[in-house]
Amino acid sequence: MARLIRPVLAIRCTQSGCRTLFEVAEVEPGKQQEVVCPNCGEHYVYPIIEDSEDK
């Protein structure tokens, strides 16, 4: 059985018919990663980085 060595986060799929909660590896600050829901295949980019123009 495989284990993630890096710290992990959990995200929930936002598709109304899915709503699966799954673990993703934590990335370095300032970087983003694309992940795919293991249940429905929906693609997500996390974490969401806010634009500096809004501040």
N, C-alpha and C. Protein backbone atom coordinates (compact mmCIF):
# COMPACT_ATOMS: atom_id res chain seq x y z
N MET A 1 0.83 -1.17 0.00
CA MET A 1 0.00 0.00 0.00
C MET A 1 0.88 1.24 0.00
N ALA A 2 0.56 2.22 -0.84
CA ALA A 2 1.35 3.45 -0.95
C ALA A 2 0.90 4.48 0.08
N ARG A 3 1.86 5.29 0.52
CA ARG A 3 1.54 6.37 1.45
C ARG A 3 2.14 7.65 0.91
N LEU A 4 1.42 8.76 1.12
CA LEU A 4 1.97 10.07 0.79
C LEU A 4 2.89 10.50 1.92
N ILE A 5 4.09 10.89 1.58
CA ILE A 5 5.04 11.32 2.60
C ILE A 5 4.90 12.81 2.88
N ARG A 6 4.57 13.58 1.83
CA ARG A 6 4.40 15.02 2.00
C ARG A 6 3.09 15.31 2.73
N PRO A 7 3.01 16.50 3.35
CA PRO A 7 1.72 16.88 3.97
C PRO A 7 0.62 16.91 2.93
N VAL A 8 -0.59 16.60 3.33
CA VAL A 8 -1.71 16.55 2.40
C VAL A 8 -2.82 17.50 2.82
N LEU A 9 -3.62 17.88 1.85
CA LEU A 9 -4.83 18.68 2.06
C LEU A 9 -6.00 17.88 1.50
N ALA A 10 -7.20 18.22 1.87
CA ALA A 10 -8.38 17.57 1.31
C ALA A 10 -9.21 18.62 0.59
N ILE A 11 -9.68 18.29 -0.60
CA ILE A 11 -10.58 19.18 -1.32
C ILE A 11 -11.81 18.39 -1.72
N ARG A 12 -12.93 19.09 -1.88
CA ARG A 12 -14.18 18.44 -2.25
C ARG A 12 -14.55 18.84 -3.67
N CYS A 13 -14.93 17.87 -4.45
CA CYS A 13 -15.39 18.12 -5.82
C CYS A 13 -16.65 18.98 -5.76
N THR A 14 -16.76 19.97 -6.64
CA THR A 14 -17.90 20.88 -6.61
C THR A 14 -19.02 20.47 -7.55
N GLN A 15 -18.87 19.37 -8.27
CA GLN A 15 -19.93 18.90 -9.15
C GLN A 15 -21.11 18.43 -8.31
N SER A 16 -22.31 18.87 -8.63
CA SER A 16 -23.49 18.57 -7.81
C SER A 16 -23.77 17.08 -7.67
N GLY A 17 -23.44 16.30 -8.68
CA GLY A 17 -23.70 14.87 -8.61
C GLY A 17 -22.57 14.07 -7.99
N CYS A 18 -21.45 14.71 -7.69
CA CYS A 18 -20.27 13.98 -7.20
C CYS A 18 -20.00 14.29 -5.72
N ARG A 19 -19.50 15.47 -5.44
CA ARG A 19 -19.19 15.94 -4.09
C ARG A 19 -18.19 15.04 -3.34
N THR A 20 -17.31 14.35 -4.05
CA THR A 20 -16.31 13.47 -3.45
C THR A 20 -15.22 14.28 -2.74
N LEU A 21 -14.84 13.87 -1.55
CA LEU A 21 -13.74 14.47 -0.80
C LEU A 21 -12.50 13.63 -1.07
N PHE A 22 -11.41 14.27 -1.55
CA PHE A 22 -10.19 13.52 -1.84
C PHE A 22 -8.96 14.29 -1.40
N GLU A 23 -7.88 13.56 -1.14
CA GLU A 23 -6.64 14.15 -0.66
C GLU A 23 -5.75 14.57 -1.81
N VAL A 24 -5.06 15.70 -1.62
CA VAL A 24 -4.09 16.20 -2.58
C VAL A 24 -2.84 16.60 -1.82
N ALA A 25 -1.68 16.50 -2.45
CA ALA A 25 -0.43 16.85 -1.80
C ALA A 25 -0.32 18.37 -1.67
N GLU A 26 0.21 18.84 -0.55
CA GLU A 26 0.41 20.27 -0.34
C GLU A 26 1.58 20.73 -1.20
N VAL A 27 1.42 21.87 -1.89
CA VAL A 27 2.46 22.39 -2.77
C VAL A 27 3.18 23.56 -2.10
N GLU A 28 4.33 23.92 -2.66
CA GLU A 28 5.11 25.02 -2.12
C GLU A 28 4.34 26.33 -2.23
N PRO A 29 4.54 27.27 -1.32
CA PRO A 29 3.85 28.56 -1.38
C PRO A 29 4.11 29.26 -2.71
N GLY A 30 3.04 29.82 -3.31
CA GLY A 30 3.15 30.53 -4.57
C GLY A 30 3.01 29.65 -5.80
N LYS A 31 2.92 28.34 -5.63
CA LYS A 31 2.79 27.42 -6.76
C LYS A 31 1.38 26.83 -6.76
N GLN A 32 0.97 26.38 -7.94
CA GLN A 32 -0.33 25.74 -8.09
C GLN A 32 -0.15 24.37 -8.72
N GLN A 33 -1.15 23.52 -8.55
CA GLN A 33 -1.10 22.19 -9.12
C GLN A 33 -2.48 21.84 -9.66
N GLU A 34 -2.52 21.13 -10.77
CA GLU A 34 -3.78 20.66 -11.33
C GLU A 34 -4.04 19.25 -10.84
N VAL A 35 -5.26 18.99 -10.37
CA VAL A 35 -5.64 17.66 -9.90
C VAL A 35 -6.93 17.24 -10.58
N VAL A 36 -7.20 15.95 -10.56
CA VAL A 36 -8.40 15.40 -11.18
C VAL A 36 -9.18 14.62 -10.12
N CYS A 37 -10.47 14.87 -10.05
CA CYS A 37 -11.32 14.13 -9.11
C CYS A 37 -11.28 12.65 -9.48
N PRO A 38 -10.98 11.77 -8.52
CA PRO A 38 -10.89 10.34 -8.83
C PRO A 38 -12.24 9.70 -9.15
N ASN A 39 -13.33 10.36 -8.78
CA ASN A 39 -14.66 9.79 -8.99
C ASN A 39 -15.27 10.18 -10.34
N CYS A 40 -15.23 11.49 -10.67
CA CYS A 40 -15.91 11.95 -11.88
C CYS A 40 -14.97 12.48 -12.96
N GLY A 41 -13.70 12.73 -12.64
CA GLY A 41 -12.74 13.19 -13.63
C GLY A 41 -12.68 14.69 -13.83
N GLU A 42 -13.38 15.47 -13.00
CA GLU A 42 -13.36 16.93 -13.10
C GLU A 42 -11.96 17.46 -12.75
N HIS A 43 -11.47 18.44 -13.51
CA HIS A 43 -10.14 19.01 -13.27
C HIS A 43 -10.24 20.24 -12.38
N TYR A 44 -9.28 20.38 -11.44
CA TYR A 44 -9.21 21.53 -10.54
C TYR A 44 -7.78 22.02 -10.46
N VAL A 45 -7.61 23.33 -10.27
CA VAL A 45 -6.30 23.92 -10.01
C VAL A 45 -6.37 24.46 -8.59
N TYR A 46 -5.44 24.06 -7.76
CA TYR A 46 -5.42 24.51 -6.38
C TYR A 46 -4.01 24.87 -6.00
N PRO A 47 -3.73 25.63 -4.98
CA PRO A 47 -4.71 26.51 -4.34
C PRO A 47 -5.01 27.70 -5.24
N ILE A 48 -6.14 28.33 -5.01
CA ILE A 48 -6.51 29.52 -5.79
C ILE A 48 -5.66 30.67 -5.27
N ILE A 49 -4.92 31.32 -6.18
CA ILE A 49 -4.08 32.44 -5.80
C ILE A 49 -4.81 33.72 -6.17
N GLU A 50 -5.03 34.58 -5.18
CA GLU A 50 -5.73 35.83 -5.42
C GLU A 50 -4.84 36.79 -6.18
N ASP A 51 -5.46 37.59 -7.06
CA ASP A 51 -4.73 38.60 -7.82
C ASP A 51 -4.31 39.74 -6.90
N SER A 52 -3.11 40.26 -7.10
CA SER A 52 -2.62 41.37 -6.29
C SER A 52 -3.34 42.67 -6.62
N GLU A 53 -4.05 42.72 -7.77
CA GLU A 53 -4.78 43.93 -8.16
C GLU A 53 -5.97 44.19 -7.25
N ASP A 54 -6.52 43.13 -6.64
CA ASP A 54 -7.69 43.27 -5.78
C ASP A 54 -7.35 43.92 -4.44
N LYS A 55 -6.10 43.91 -4.06
CA LYS A 55 -5.70 44.42 -2.75
C LYS A 55 -5.43 45.89 -2.75
